[in-house]
Amino acid sequence: MSESAEPQKRPRVNVRRPDVMTQVNAEVERHYRSSIVEKIRAAGGEITLGATTIRLAQQFGFCYGVERAIDLAYAARRVFPDNRIFLIGEIIHNGEVNRQLVDMGIVSLPWKELSADYDQLGPEDVVIVPAFGAPTTFMEKIEQLGCYVVDTTCGDVMKVWKRVRGYAKDGITSIIHGKAGHEETQATASRALGEDGQGHYLIVLTLEETDAVCRYIRDGGDRQNFLDRFATKASKGFDPDVHLRKVGVANQTTMLKSETEEIQRRVRESVVARDGSAENFLVFDTICGATQERQDALFEMLRRPMDLLFVVGGYNSSNTTHLVEIGEQSLPTFFIRNAQCLESLQEIVHYDLHRHSEIASAYPATLLGEAPVVIGITAGASCPNNLIEDTIFRIFEMRGVDRSELAGI
């Protein structure tokens, strides 16, 4: 790109043309659809073959926002067949889906920082913004370069952005319940700075961190110690003595609903204890509807006896992780990427949330024995049905049920 030529800022590209979407829908269905999963759902979400029962949660897998993001990414390749296409990070947190995009020639760019890779972009390049959104600095950069932009940001995420922008405009600090290193939380934090960049935010993940914030709101404390603790989780220039006077809670949309509600309650109580009223506290329900539906469906599923639970999805998927946390409270729960994690009759490869790593464990005796067994399966909003189908086939095969029996239901 010539340095003398100032690139023109392009409008966002609408790639959802009817002729394109007809082809995209067929392609997406071929990659991710599962007739087996659809049949089991139509039969009430449960199937029994021999001594093995598999039960599916009433709500699991792709949500509308994920489906839309994938459709837009596929459509971008159709609309721009000869252009270079880039993606900020990952479209969603699922390895299978991201692999498909790589196979389509879509190149992933770093998302944690504006690296030199972005300087190589030009006006004929297409940049896809993922479902999580992207920080304002990234958006400003690619628009400055004049790139075509295909924005797949989830509508629920943009609702949070609207809320935190409003907080900033009114001089209210956003307390964001989320993972500081997550793409969505980073994008939300950048919007919490407001249009003029003068707003402030503080990110909390755990109830322990929340209690530290609440103590400071209520009683004050060691300012420097507070700043050191939240050094990577607070806006530039954050001063707890000033910026915790008026607070509003928001959240990463895929957090555990009950935990977000508890954080809201504790922060509100601390403000009331300090001020005598909740006038300086605001809250807005920003949990994604699909996330809540999948959590509620799992709670309902756990009301009936099961022997073990498989949660299928990407290990870096926040909403999937919370399903694992829910399941672990009630029964043996295994977090797997796909059916390949069910390696043999001796061990299962799964992600251990407490060790923060993938490990191999022996199967519970109930899975390998001949006695009747009930196995539950659920998945996060970023997991396609074809991975659920593969898991169902694998479980039945390990229990001595031939694949042809299942295919014939």
Protein backbone atom coordinates (compact mmCIF):
# COMPACT_ATOMS: atom_id res chain seq x y z
CA MET A 1 0.00 0.00 0.00
CA SER A 2 1.43 3.37 -1.01
CA GLU A 3 2.22 5.66 1.92
CA SER A 4 0.98 8.65 -0.08
CA ALA A 5 -2.46 7.16 -0.64
CA GLU A 6 -4.74 7.60 2.36
CA PRO A 7 -7.07 4.55 2.46
CA GLN A 8 -10.79 5.14 2.30
CA LYS A 9 -12.78 3.98 5.31
CA ARG A 10 -15.10 1.31 4.01
CA PRO A 11 -18.60 0.65 5.34
CA ARG A 12 -19.20 -2.71 7.01
CA VAL A 13 -19.88 -5.39 4.42
CA ASN A 14 -23.21 -7.19 4.26
CA VAL A 15 -22.36 -10.63 2.91
CA ARG A 16 -25.76 -12.17 3.66
CA ARG A 17 -26.98 -12.06 0.07
CA PRO A 18 -29.76 -14.57 -0.70
CA ASP A 19 -27.79 -16.27 -3.46
CA VAL A 20 -24.73 -16.59 -1.22
CA MET A 21 -26.63 -17.79 1.86
CA THR A 22 -28.27 -20.63 -0.08
CA GLN A 23 -24.83 -22.04 -0.79
CA VAL A 24 -23.54 -21.24 2.71
CA ASN A 25 -26.46 -22.96 4.44
CA ALA A 26 -25.86 -26.13 2.45
CA GLU A 27 -22.14 -26.07 3.21
CA VAL A 28 -22.59 -25.40 6.94
CA GLU A 29 -25.20 -28.14 7.20
CA ARG A 30 -22.88 -30.60 5.50
CA HIS A 31 -20.05 -29.78 7.91
CA TYR A 32 -21.90 -29.65 11.20
CA ARG A 33 -25.38 -31.20 11.00
CA SER A 34 -26.18 -34.56 12.64
CA SER A 35 -29.24 -36.60 11.68
CA ILE A 36 -28.61 -38.89 14.69
CA VAL A 37 -28.74 -36.00 17.16
CA GLU A 38 -31.91 -34.68 15.50
CA LYS A 39 -33.58 -38.09 15.74
CA ILE A 40 -32.70 -38.49 19.42
CA ARG A 41 -34.01 -35.01 20.16
CA ALA A 42 -37.25 -35.83 18.31
CA ALA A 43 -37.57 -38.94 20.47
CA GLY A 44 -37.46 -36.92 23.70
CA GLY A 45 -33.68 -36.59 24.01
CA GLU A 46 -32.99 -40.15 25.13
CA ILE A 47 -32.05 -43.42 23.45
CA THR A 48 -31.51 -46.90 24.91
CA LEU A 49 -29.75 -49.71 23.08
CA GLY A 50 -29.08 -52.84 25.10
CA ALA A 51 -27.93 -51.87 28.58
CA THR A 52 -26.82 -48.38 27.52
CA THR A 53 -28.93 -45.23 27.75
CA ILE A 54 -27.71 -41.91 26.42
CA ARG A 55 -29.55 -38.80 27.53
CA LEU A 56 -29.11 -35.40 25.91
CA ALA A 57 -29.77 -32.09 27.62
CA GLN A 58 -32.81 -30.26 26.28
CA GLN A 59 -30.61 -27.34 25.20
CA PHE A 60 -27.02 -27.69 24.00
CA GLY A 61 -24.74 -26.91 21.11
CA PHE A 62 -24.76 -24.04 18.61
CA CYS A 63 -26.68 -20.93 19.61
CA TYR A 64 -28.00 -18.34 17.16
CA GLY A 65 -25.01 -16.03 17.66
CA VAL A 66 -22.54 -18.81 16.87
CA GLU A 67 -24.54 -19.96 13.84
CA ARG A 68 -24.65 -16.39 12.56
CA ALA A 69 -20.88 -15.91 13.03
CA ILE A 70 -20.10 -19.12 11.15
CA ASP A 71 -22.54 -18.23 8.36
CA LEU A 72 -20.93 -14.81 7.93
CA ALA A 73 -17.42 -16.27 7.83
CA TYR A 74 -18.41 -18.82 5.20
CA ALA A 75 -20.26 -16.12 3.25
CA ALA A 76 -17.20 -13.86 3.32
CA ARG A 77 -15.23 -16.49 1.46
CA ARG A 78 -17.99 -16.74 -1.17
CA VAL A 79 -18.37 -12.98 -1.64
CA PHE A 80 -14.59 -12.40 -1.74
CA PRO A 81 -13.27 -15.53 -3.53
CA ASP A 82 -10.00 -13.92 -4.61
CA ASN A 83 -9.25 -11.57 -1.70
CA ARG A 84 -7.05 -12.32 1.27
CA ILE A 85 -9.30 -12.93 4.27
CA PHE A 86 -8.15 -12.57 7.86
CA LEU A 87 -9.82 -13.31 11.19
CA ILE A 88 -9.03 -11.59 14.49
CA GLY A 89 -8.20 -14.60 16.69
CA GLU A 90 -10.80 -17.40 16.51
CA ILE A 91 -14.34 -17.10 15.18
CA ILE A 92 -15.59 -19.09 18.22
CA HIS A 93 -13.92 -21.36 20.76
CA ASN A 94 -14.12 -24.64 18.88
CA GLY A 95 -11.16 -26.27 17.17
CA GLU A 96 -13.26 -28.10 14.54
CA VAL A 97 -14.94 -24.90 13.35
CA ASN A 98 -11.71 -22.91 13.27
CA ARG A 99 -9.99 -25.69 11.34
CA GLN A 100 -12.67 -25.50 8.67
CA LEU A 101 -12.00 -21.78 8.26
CA VAL A 102 -8.26 -22.42 7.93
CA ASP A 103 -9.04 -24.96 5.21
CA MET A 104 -10.97 -22.20 3.43
CA GLY A 105 -7.86 -20.03 3.40
CA ILE A 106 -8.91 -17.70 6.21
CA VAL A 107 -5.84 -16.60 8.18
CA SER A 108 -5.98 -16.03 11.95
CA LEU A 109 -4.41 -12.82 13.27
CA PRO A 110 -3.17 -12.32 16.85
CA TRP A 111 -5.88 -10.94 19.14
CA LYS A 112 -4.03 -10.20 22.38
CA GLU A 113 -2.14 -7.27 20.92
CA LEU A 114 -1.92 -5.25 17.73
CA SER A 115 1.11 -6.99 16.27
CA ALA A 116 3.05 -6.06 13.15
CA ASP A 117 0.81 -8.47 11.21
CA TYR A 118 -1.85 -5.77 11.08
CA ASP A 119 0.52 -3.34 9.38
CA GLN A 120 0.62 -5.69 6.40
CA LEU A 121 -3.12 -5.35 5.71
CA GLY A 122 -4.41 -3.24 2.85
CA PRO A 123 -7.65 -1.94 1.31
CA GLU A 124 -8.34 -5.13 -0.67
CA ASP A 125 -8.06 -7.36 2.40
CA VAL A 126 -11.07 -8.65 4.30
CA VAL A 127 -11.01 -8.79 8.11
CA ILE A 128 -13.57 -10.86 10.01
CA VAL A 129 -14.38 -9.74 13.54
CA PRO A 130 -15.18 -12.82 15.70
CA ALA A 131 -18.36 -13.51 17.66
CA PHE A 132 -16.66 -12.18 20.83
CA GLY A 133 -16.06 -8.80 19.19
CA ALA A 134 -12.70 -7.02 19.29
CA PRO A 135 -11.23 -4.13 21.30
CA THR A 136 -11.77 -0.64 19.92
CA THR A 137 -8.05 -0.26 19.12
CA PHE A 138 -8.28 -3.22 16.72
CA MET A 139 -11.40 -1.86 15.05
CA GLU A 140 -9.84 1.57 14.63
CA LYS A 141 -6.71 0.02 13.12
CA ILE A 142 -8.41 -2.09 10.45
CA GLU A 143 -10.80 0.73 9.53
CA GLN A 144 -7.85 3.14 9.27
CA LEU A 145 -6.21 0.70 6.84
CA GLY A 146 -9.36 0.71 4.70
CA CYS A 147 -9.98 -3.04 4.95
CA TYR A 148 -13.32 -4.64 4.21
CA VAL A 149 -14.84 -5.56 7.58
CA VAL A 150 -17.21 -8.48 8.17
CA ASP A 151 -18.42 -8.08 11.75
CA THR A 152 -19.84 -11.24 13.35
CA THR A 153 -20.03 -9.84 16.91
CA CYS A 154 -22.89 -11.44 18.85
CA GLY A 155 -25.84 -9.18 19.54
CA ASP A 156 -25.82 -10.10 23.24
CA VAL A 157 -22.22 -8.89 23.50
CA MET A 158 -23.11 -5.59 21.86
CA LYS A 159 -25.88 -5.09 24.43
CA VAL A 160 -23.23 -5.22 27.14
CA TRP A 161 -21.12 -2.70 25.24
CA LYS A 162 -24.06 -0.31 25.10
CA ARG A 163 -24.50 -0.65 28.86
CA VAL A 164 -20.85 -0.03 29.81
CA ARG A 165 -20.62 2.90 27.40
CA GLY A 166 -23.61 4.35 29.24
CA TYR A 167 -21.88 3.80 32.56
CA ALA A 168 -18.80 5.65 31.32
CA LYS A 169 -20.86 8.57 30.00
CA ASP A 170 -22.46 8.94 33.46
CA GLY A 171 -19.15 8.72 35.34
CA ILE A 172 -19.86 5.20 36.59
CA THR A 173 -17.09 2.61 36.84
CA SER A 174 -17.86 -0.77 35.24
CA ILE A 175 -17.15 -3.79 37.42
CA ILE A 176 -16.97 -6.56 34.83
CA HIS A 177 -17.45 -10.17 35.91
CA GLY A 178 -15.32 -12.09 33.47
CA LYS A 179 -12.00 -13.63 32.57
CA ALA A 180 -9.46 -10.85 32.06
CA GLY A 181 -7.70 -12.81 29.31
CA HIS A 182 -10.86 -13.61 27.36
CA GLU A 183 -11.49 -11.95 24.00
CA GLU A 184 -14.98 -10.81 24.93
CA THR A 185 -13.95 -9.30 28.25
CA GLN A 186 -11.11 -7.40 26.58
CA ALA A 187 -13.53 -6.05 23.98
CA THR A 188 -16.04 -5.04 26.66
CA ALA A 189 -13.36 -3.38 28.80
CA SER A 190 -12.32 -1.21 25.86
CA ARG A 191 -15.92 0.02 25.50
CA ALA A 192 -16.10 0.73 29.24
CA LEU A 193 -13.58 3.52 28.65
CA GLY A 194 -16.36 5.43 26.90
CA GLU A 195 -16.34 7.49 23.73
CA ASP A 196 -13.78 9.91 25.16
CA GLY A 197 -11.54 7.22 26.67
CA GLN A 198 -11.94 8.68 30.17
CA GLY A 199 -14.10 5.92 31.65
CA HIS A 200 -12.90 3.23 34.04
CA TYR A 201 -13.37 -0.48 34.65
CA LEU A 202 -12.33 -3.23 37.05
CA ILE A 203 -12.46 -6.93 36.11
CA VAL A 204 -13.27 -9.58 38.74
CA LEU A 205 -13.46 -13.33 38.18
CA THR A 206 -13.97 -14.95 41.57
CA LEU A 207 -16.00 -14.27 44.68
CA GLU A 208 -12.71 -13.85 46.53
CA GLU A 209 -11.73 -11.00 44.22
CA THR A 210 -15.23 -9.57 44.57
CA ASP A 211 -14.94 -9.61 48.36
CA ALA A 212 -11.65 -7.68 48.14
CA VAL A 213 -13.40 -5.02 46.05
CA CYS A 214 -16.38 -4.96 48.41
CA ARG A 215 -14.15 -4.49 51.46
CA TYR A 216 -12.52 -1.50 49.79
CA ILE A 217 -15.87 -0.03 48.81
CA ARG A 218 -17.17 -0.45 52.36
CA ASP A 219 -14.09 0.28 54.50
CA GLY A 220 -11.32 1.63 52.26
CA GLY A 221 -7.88 0.11 52.74
CA ASP A 222 -4.35 -0.06 51.41
CA ARG A 223 -4.62 1.71 48.06
CA GLN A 224 -1.30 0.49 46.65
CA ASN A 225 -1.97 -3.09 47.68
CA PHE A 226 -5.33 -2.91 45.90
CA LEU A 227 -3.73 -1.49 42.75
CA ASP A 228 -1.03 -4.18 42.78
CA ARG A 229 -3.64 -6.93 43.11
CA PHE A 230 -5.72 -5.66 40.18
CA ALA A 231 -2.85 -4.26 38.12
CA THR A 232 -3.77 -6.26 35.00
CA LYS A 233 -7.51 -6.03 35.58
CA ALA A 234 -8.11 -2.30 35.89
CA SER A 235 -8.23 0.61 33.48
CA LYS A 236 -5.25 2.92 33.15
CA GLY A 237 -5.22 5.52 35.91
CA PHE A 238 -7.68 3.59 38.06
CA ASP A 239 -7.93 4.98 41.59
CA PRO A 240 -10.05 2.92 44.02
CA ASP A 241 -10.60 5.93 46.25
CA VAL A 242 -12.22 7.78 43.35
CA HIS A 243 -13.49 5.22 40.88
CA LEU A 244 -15.33 2.94 43.31
CA ARG A 245 -17.67 5.74 44.43
CA LYS A 246 -20.22 4.94 41.71
CA VAL A 247 -20.19 1.46 40.20
CA GLY A 248 -22.20 -0.58 37.75
CA VAL A 249 -21.88 -4.35 37.28
CA ALA A 250 -21.70 -5.95 33.84
CA ASN A 251 -20.34 -9.30 32.76
CA GLN A 252 -18.85 -11.48 30.11
CA THR A 253 -22.03 -12.96 28.64
CA THR A 254 -20.95 -16.59 29.11
CA MET A 255 -20.32 -16.59 32.85
CA LEU A 256 -22.13 -18.78 35.37
CA LYS A 257 -25.40 -16.97 36.01
CA SER A 258 -25.61 -17.79 39.72
CA GLU A 259 -22.09 -16.49 40.31
CA THR A 260 -22.74 -13.24 38.44
CA GLU A 261 -25.89 -12.72 40.50
CA GLU A 262 -23.95 -13.32 43.72
CA ILE A 263 -21.32 -10.78 42.66
CA GLN A 264 -24.07 -8.27 41.96
CA ARG A 265 -25.58 -8.89 45.39
CA ARG A 266 -22.28 -8.49 47.25
CA VAL A 267 -21.29 -5.30 45.45
CA ARG A 268 -24.71 -3.79 46.05
CA GLU A 269 -24.56 -4.66 49.76
CA SER A 270 -21.14 -3.02 50.10
CA VAL A 271 -22.38 0.19 48.46
CA VAL A 272 -25.45 0.26 50.72
CA ALA A 273 -23.28 -0.36 53.79
CA ARG A 274 -21.09 2.62 52.83
CA ASP A 275 -23.75 5.06 51.58
CA GLY A 276 -26.94 3.97 53.29
CA SER A 277 -28.63 3.45 49.92
CA ALA A 278 -28.06 1.76 46.55
CA GLU A 279 -28.11 5.07 44.66
CA ASN A 280 -24.48 4.65 43.57
CA PHE A 281 -24.97 1.07 42.36
CA LEU A 282 -26.34 0.02 38.99
CA VAL A 283 -26.85 -3.41 37.47
CA PHE A 284 -28.09 -4.77 34.18
CA ASP A 285 -28.71 -8.44 33.38
CA THR A 286 -26.23 -9.20 30.61
CA ILE A 287 -25.99 -13.00 30.77
CA CYS A 288 -26.46 -14.43 27.26
CA GLY A 289 -29.87 -16.07 26.87
CA ALA A 290 -28.38 -19.15 25.20
CA THR A 291 -25.82 -19.54 27.99
CA GLN A 292 -28.58 -19.36 30.58
CA GLU A 293 -30.74 -21.86 28.67
CA ARG A 294 -27.91 -24.39 28.52
CA GLN A 295 -27.14 -23.98 32.22
CA ASP A 296 -30.82 -24.30 33.15
CA ALA A 297 -31.20 -27.36 30.90
CA LEU A 298 -28.27 -29.06 32.63
CA PHE A 299 -29.68 -28.32 36.09
CA GLU A 300 -32.97 -29.88 34.95
CA MET A 301 -31.13 -32.87 33.47
CA LEU A 302 -29.31 -33.48 36.76
CA ARG A 303 -32.62 -33.90 38.59
CA ARG A 304 -32.82 -37.41 37.11
CA PRO A 305 -30.28 -40.11 38.06
CA MET A 306 -27.32 -40.60 35.72
CA ASP A 307 -24.05 -42.46 36.09
CA LEU A 308 -21.75 -39.95 34.42
CA LEU A 309 -21.75 -36.88 32.22
CA PHE A 310 -19.75 -35.88 29.16
CA VAL A 311 -19.48 -32.18 28.32
CA VAL A 312 -18.24 -31.70 24.76
CA GLY A 313 -16.55 -28.52 23.55
CA GLY A 314 -13.43 -26.42 23.27
CA TYR A 315 -11.28 -26.25 26.38
CA ASN A 316 -11.05 -22.46 26.07
CA SER A 317 -14.83 -22.08 25.82
CA SER A 318 -16.11 -20.15 28.84
CA ASN A 319 -19.75 -21.23 28.61
CA THR A 320 -18.71 -24.88 28.22
CA THR A 321 -16.42 -24.65 31.24
CA HIS A 322 -19.32 -23.53 33.41
CA LEU A 323 -21.37 -26.55 32.32
CA VAL A 324 -18.52 -28.73 33.56
CA GLU A 325 -18.51 -26.88 36.90
CA ILE A 326 -22.24 -27.52 37.27
CA GLY A 327 -21.94 -31.20 36.40
CA GLU A 328 -19.02 -31.81 38.76
CA GLN A 329 -21.21 -30.88 41.72
CA SER A 330 -23.46 -33.90 41.13
CA LEU A 331 -21.69 -36.77 39.36
CA PRO A 332 -18.50 -37.85 37.56
CA THR A 333 -18.09 -35.33 34.73
CA PHE A 334 -15.63 -35.41 31.84
CA PHE A 335 -14.80 -32.38 29.69
CA ILE A 336 -13.80 -33.65 26.23
CA ARG A 337 -12.94 -31.92 22.95
CA ASN A 338 -14.40 -34.65 20.76
CA ALA A 339 -14.88 -38.42 20.49
CA GLN A 340 -11.14 -38.96 19.97
CA CYS A 341 -10.72 -38.27 23.68
CA LEU A 342 -12.41 -41.60 24.34
CA GLU A 343 -9.21 -43.32 23.32
CA SER A 344 -9.59 -46.87 24.55
CA LEU A 345 -11.32 -49.13 27.02
CA GLN A 346 -8.66 -48.20 29.55
CA GLU A 347 -8.61 -44.40 29.66
CA ILE A 348 -10.30 -41.18 28.74
CA VAL A 349 -8.46 -37.96 27.87
CA HIS A 350 -10.22 -34.93 29.31
CA TYR A 351 -9.59 -31.42 30.59
CA ASP A 352 -9.23 -31.02 34.35
CA LEU A 353 -10.49 -27.58 35.38
CA HIS A 354 -8.60 -27.69 38.66
CA ARG A 355 -5.22 -28.63 37.18
CA HIS A 356 -5.81 -26.43 34.12
CA SER A 357 -4.54 -29.16 31.85
CA GLU A 358 -5.59 -32.14 29.79
CA ILE A 359 -5.11 -35.43 31.63
CA ALA A 360 -5.84 -39.12 31.14
CA SER A 361 -8.07 -40.94 33.63
CA ALA A 362 -9.33 -44.47 33.99
CA TYR A 363 -12.96 -44.95 33.07
CA PRO A 364 -15.50 -45.36 35.86
CA ALA A 365 -16.34 -49.02 36.34
CA THR A 366 -19.94 -48.26 35.44
CA LEU A 367 -18.99 -47.40 31.87
CA LEU A 368 -17.03 -50.56 31.25
CA GLY A 369 -19.23 -53.06 33.05
CA GLU A 370 -22.23 -54.93 31.67
CA ALA A 371 -24.78 -53.48 34.06
CA PRO A 372 -27.28 -50.89 32.77
CA VAL A 373 -25.76 -47.40 32.58
CA VAL A 374 -27.18 -43.93 31.92
CA ILE A 375 -24.79 -41.45 30.34
CA GLY A 376 -25.60 -37.77 29.95
CA ILE A 377 -24.23 -35.54 27.20
CA THR A 378 -24.33 -31.77 26.89
CA ALA A 379 -22.27 -29.19 25.05
CA GLY A 380 -21.54 -25.50 25.05
CA ALA A 381 -22.91 -22.96 22.58
CA SER A 382 -19.85 -23.30 20.33
CA CYS A 383 -19.99 -27.08 19.81
CA PRO A 384 -21.43 -28.42 16.53
CA ASN A 385 -23.80 -31.39 16.46
CA ASN A 386 -21.47 -33.55 14.38
CA LEU A 387 -19.09 -33.72 17.37
CA ILE A 388 -21.98 -34.79 19.58
CA GLU A 389 -22.87 -37.50 17.07
CA ASP A 390 -19.30 -38.80 17.03
CA THR A 391 -19.34 -38.99 20.84
CA ILE A 392 -22.63 -40.89 20.85
CA PHE A 393 -21.30 -43.42 18.34
CA ARG A 394 -18.10 -43.88 20.33
CA ILE A 395 -19.87 -44.45 23.65
CA PHE A 396 -22.14 -47.09 22.17
CA GLU A 397 -19.21 -48.80 20.44
CA MET A 398 -17.34 -48.99 23.75
CA ARG A 399 -20.44 -50.53 25.30
CA GLY A 400 -20.56 -53.23 22.62
CA VAL A 401 -23.31 -51.69 20.46
CA ASP A 402 -22.56 -51.83 16.75
CA ARG A 403 -22.67 -48.53 14.85
CA SER A 404 -25.21 -49.97 12.42
CA GLU A 405 -27.75 -50.42 15.23
CA LEU A 406 -27.59 -46.72 16.04
CA ALA A 407 -27.61 -45.63 12.41
CA GLY A 408 -30.82 -47.58 11.92
CA ILE A 409 -32.89 -45.84 14.61
